[in-house]
Amino acid sequence: MSKQVLDRYAIPQNQLAVAMGISRANVGRWYHGLDPSAENIVGITQALRSLNPEAAKTFVYLYLGDLVSDA
């Protein structure tokens, strides 16, 4: 799901990694299909919010779906 959001909003993996203060290799793992932990989902959301608020909304929706659409 990270791949979908990064590709859709043209956010480079390295840019997300820098915004999160982590290595690009970690972002690469998520990009290539490894699901991030709940803690990392929060971190990704916060970083995306600072880079592109719409990307953050899309990311949250992809992970939580209808759970957040009713909130």
N, C-alpha and C. Protein backbone atom coordinates (compact mmCIF):
# COMPACT_ATOMS: atom_id res chain seq x y z
N MET A 1 0.81 -1.19 0.00
CA MET A 1 0.00 0.00 0.00
C MET A 1 0.86 1.26 0.00
N SER A 2 2.01 1.18 0.62
CA SER A 2 2.91 2.33 0.59
C SER A 2 3.28 2.65 -0.84
N LYS A 3 3.49 1.61 -1.65
CA LYS A 3 3.88 1.81 -3.05
C LYS A 3 2.80 2.59 -3.78
N GLN A 4 1.55 2.21 -3.58
CA GLN A 4 0.45 2.88 -4.26
C GLN A 4 0.44 4.37 -3.95
N VAL A 5 0.60 4.70 -2.68
CA VAL A 5 0.54 6.11 -2.26
C VAL A 5 1.75 6.88 -2.78
N LEU A 6 2.94 6.31 -2.61
CA LEU A 6 4.14 7.02 -3.06
C LEU A 6 4.11 7.23 -4.57
N ASP A 7 3.70 6.22 -5.30
CA ASP A 7 3.63 6.35 -6.76
C ASP A 7 2.56 7.36 -7.18
N ARG A 8 1.39 7.26 -6.59
CA ARG A 8 0.27 8.14 -6.96
C ARG A 8 0.60 9.61 -6.73
N TYR A 9 1.30 9.90 -5.63
CA TYR A 9 1.59 11.28 -5.27
C TYR A 9 3.03 11.68 -5.59
N ALA A 10 3.74 10.84 -6.33
CA ALA A 10 5.11 11.12 -6.78
C ALA A 10 6.03 11.52 -5.62
N ILE A 11 5.96 10.73 -4.54
CA ILE A 11 6.82 10.96 -3.38
C ILE A 11 7.93 9.92 -3.43
N PRO A 12 9.17 10.35 -3.57
CA PRO A 12 10.28 9.39 -3.60
C PRO A 12 10.44 8.68 -2.24
N GLN A 13 10.87 7.43 -2.30
CA GLN A 13 11.11 6.67 -1.07
C GLN A 13 12.06 7.41 -0.14
N ASN A 14 13.09 8.00 -0.72
CA ASN A 14 14.08 8.70 0.09
C ASN A 14 13.47 9.90 0.80
N GLN A 15 12.56 10.59 0.14
CA GLN A 15 11.92 11.75 0.76
C GLN A 15 11.09 11.32 1.98
N LEU A 16 10.38 10.20 1.87
CA LEU A 16 9.61 9.70 3.00
C LEU A 16 10.56 9.28 4.12
N ALA A 17 11.64 8.61 3.76
CA ALA A 17 12.62 8.16 4.76
C ALA A 17 13.19 9.35 5.52
N VAL A 18 13.56 10.40 4.82
CA VAL A 18 14.11 11.60 5.47
C VAL A 18 13.07 12.23 6.38
N ALA A 19 11.83 12.33 5.91
CA ALA A 19 10.76 12.92 6.73
C ALA A 19 10.51 12.10 7.99
N MET A 20 10.75 10.78 7.92
CA MET A 20 10.55 9.93 9.09
C MET A 20 11.80 9.80 9.94
N GLY A 21 12.95 10.20 9.40
CA GLY A 21 14.20 10.05 10.14
C GLY A 21 14.68 8.62 10.21
N ILE A 22 14.41 7.87 9.14
CA ILE A 22 14.81 6.45 9.07
C ILE A 22 15.59 6.21 7.78
N SER A 23 16.08 5.00 7.62
CA SER A 23 16.82 4.68 6.40
C SER A 23 15.87 4.42 5.23
N ARG A 24 16.35 4.69 4.04
CA ARG A 24 15.58 4.42 2.84
C ARG A 24 15.30 2.94 2.69
N ALA A 25 16.19 2.10 3.21
CA ALA A 25 15.99 0.65 3.13
C ALA A 25 14.69 0.22 3.82
N ASN A 26 14.37 0.86 4.94
CA ASN A 26 13.12 0.53 5.63
C ASN A 26 11.91 0.88 4.76
N VAL A 27 11.95 2.06 4.17
CA VAL A 27 10.86 2.46 3.28
C VAL A 27 10.80 1.51 2.09
N GLY A 28 11.95 1.11 1.59
CA GLY A 28 11.99 0.17 0.47
C GLY A 28 11.31 -1.15 0.79
N ARG A 29 11.45 -1.62 2.00
CA ARG A 29 10.78 -2.87 2.40
C ARG A 29 9.26 -2.71 2.33
N TRP A 30 8.78 -1.59 2.84
CA TRP A 30 7.33 -1.35 2.79
C TRP A 30 6.88 -1.16 1.35
N TYR A 31 7.67 -0.47 0.58
CA TYR A 31 7.35 -0.21 -0.82
C TYR A 31 7.20 -1.52 -1.59
N HIS A 32 8.01 -2.49 -1.23
CA HIS A 32 8.00 -3.77 -1.94
C HIS A 32 7.13 -4.83 -1.29
N GLY A 33 6.25 -4.42 -0.37
CA GLY A 33 5.23 -5.34 0.09
C GLY A 33 5.24 -5.75 1.54
N LEU A 34 6.28 -5.44 2.30
CA LEU A 34 6.28 -5.78 3.72
C LEU A 34 5.39 -4.79 4.45
N ASP A 35 4.41 -5.29 5.17
CA ASP A 35 3.52 -4.40 5.90
C ASP A 35 4.23 -3.77 7.08
N PRO A 36 4.10 -2.45 7.23
CA PRO A 36 4.72 -1.78 8.38
C PRO A 36 3.97 -2.12 9.67
N SER A 37 4.66 -1.99 10.79
CA SER A 37 4.02 -2.20 12.09
C SER A 37 3.04 -1.06 12.36
N ALA A 38 2.19 -1.24 13.36
CA ALA A 38 1.24 -0.19 13.72
C ALA A 38 1.97 1.11 14.06
N GLU A 39 3.07 1.00 14.77
CA GLU A 39 3.87 2.18 15.13
C GLU A 39 4.39 2.88 13.87
N ASN A 40 4.83 2.10 12.91
CA ASN A 40 5.33 2.69 11.68
C ASN A 40 4.22 3.27 10.82
N ILE A 41 3.04 2.71 10.89
CA ILE A 41 1.90 3.28 10.16
C ILE A 41 1.64 4.69 10.67
N VAL A 42 1.73 4.87 11.97
CA VAL A 42 1.56 6.21 12.54
C VAL A 42 2.67 7.13 12.03
N GLY A 43 3.91 6.67 12.05
CA GLY A 43 5.03 7.47 11.58
C GLY A 43 4.92 7.82 10.11
N ILE A 44 4.51 6.85 9.30
CA ILE A 44 4.33 7.10 7.87
C ILE A 44 3.24 8.16 7.66
N THR A 45 2.15 8.01 8.39
CA THR A 45 1.05 8.97 8.26
C THR A 45 1.50 10.38 8.63
N GLN A 46 2.23 10.50 9.72
CA GLN A 46 2.70 11.82 10.15
C GLN A 46 3.66 12.42 9.11
N ALA A 47 4.56 11.60 8.60
CA ALA A 47 5.51 12.09 7.59
C ALA A 47 4.78 12.48 6.31
N LEU A 48 3.86 11.65 5.88
CA LEU A 48 3.10 11.98 4.67
C LEU A 48 2.29 13.25 4.86
N ARG A 49 1.75 13.43 6.05
CA ARG A 49 0.97 14.64 6.33
C ARG A 49 1.82 15.89 6.12
N SER A 50 3.11 15.80 6.49
CA SER A 50 3.99 16.95 6.31
C SER A 50 4.41 17.13 4.85
N LEU A 51 4.41 16.05 4.09
CA LEU A 51 4.82 16.11 2.68
C LEU A 51 3.65 16.41 1.75
N ASN A 52 2.52 15.77 2.03
CA ASN A 52 1.34 15.91 1.17
C ASN A 52 0.13 15.39 1.95
N PRO A 53 -0.67 16.27 2.52
CA PRO A 53 -1.81 15.84 3.33
C PRO A 53 -2.77 14.88 2.62
N GLU A 54 -2.95 15.06 1.32
CA GLU A 54 -3.84 14.15 0.58
C GLU A 54 -3.24 12.74 0.52
N ALA A 55 -1.93 12.65 0.39
CA ALA A 55 -1.27 11.34 0.39
C ALA A 55 -1.48 10.66 1.74
N ALA A 56 -1.41 11.43 2.81
CA ALA A 56 -1.63 10.87 4.15
C ALA A 56 -3.05 10.33 4.28
N LYS A 57 -4.02 11.07 3.79
CA LYS A 57 -5.41 10.61 3.85
C LYS A 57 -5.59 9.32 3.06
N THR A 58 -5.00 9.27 1.88
CA THR A 58 -5.11 8.07 1.06
C THR A 58 -4.46 6.88 1.76
N PHE A 59 -3.28 7.10 2.33
CA PHE A 59 -2.57 6.03 3.03
C PHE A 59 -3.42 5.49 4.18
N VAL A 60 -3.98 6.37 4.99
CA VAL A 60 -4.81 5.94 6.12
C VAL A 60 -6.02 5.18 5.61
N TYR A 61 -6.64 5.67 4.56
CA TYR A 61 -7.82 4.98 4.01
C TYR A 61 -7.45 3.58 3.52
N LEU A 62 -6.30 3.44 2.86
CA LEU A 62 -5.89 2.13 2.35
C LEU A 62 -5.67 1.14 3.49
N TYR A 63 -5.17 1.61 4.63
CA TYR A 63 -4.93 0.70 5.76
C TYR A 63 -6.17 0.49 6.61
N LEU A 64 -7.00 1.50 6.78
CA LEU A 64 -8.12 1.39 7.70
C LEU A 64 -9.48 1.37 7.02
N GLY A 65 -9.52 1.74 5.75
CA GLY A 65 -10.73 1.64 4.95
C GLY A 65 -11.96 2.28 5.59
N ASP A 66 -13.04 1.55 5.61
CA ASP A 66 -14.31 2.05 6.09
C ASP A 66 -14.30 2.40 7.57
N LEU A 67 -13.34 1.88 8.29
CA LEU A 67 -13.23 2.17 9.72
C LEU A 67 -13.09 3.68 9.96
N VAL A 68 -12.35 4.37 9.09
CA VAL A 68 -12.15 5.80 9.27
C VAL A 68 -13.16 6.63 8.48
N SER A 69 -13.79 6.06 7.50
CA SER A 69 -14.73 6.85 6.71
C SER A 69 -15.98 7.19 7.50
N ASP A 70 -16.27 6.41 8.54
CA ASP A 70 -17.44 6.68 9.39
C ASP A 70 -17.10 7.58 10.56
N ALA A 71 -15.81 7.84 10.76
CA ALA A 71 -15.39 8.62 11.94
C ALA A 71 -15.64 10.09 11.75
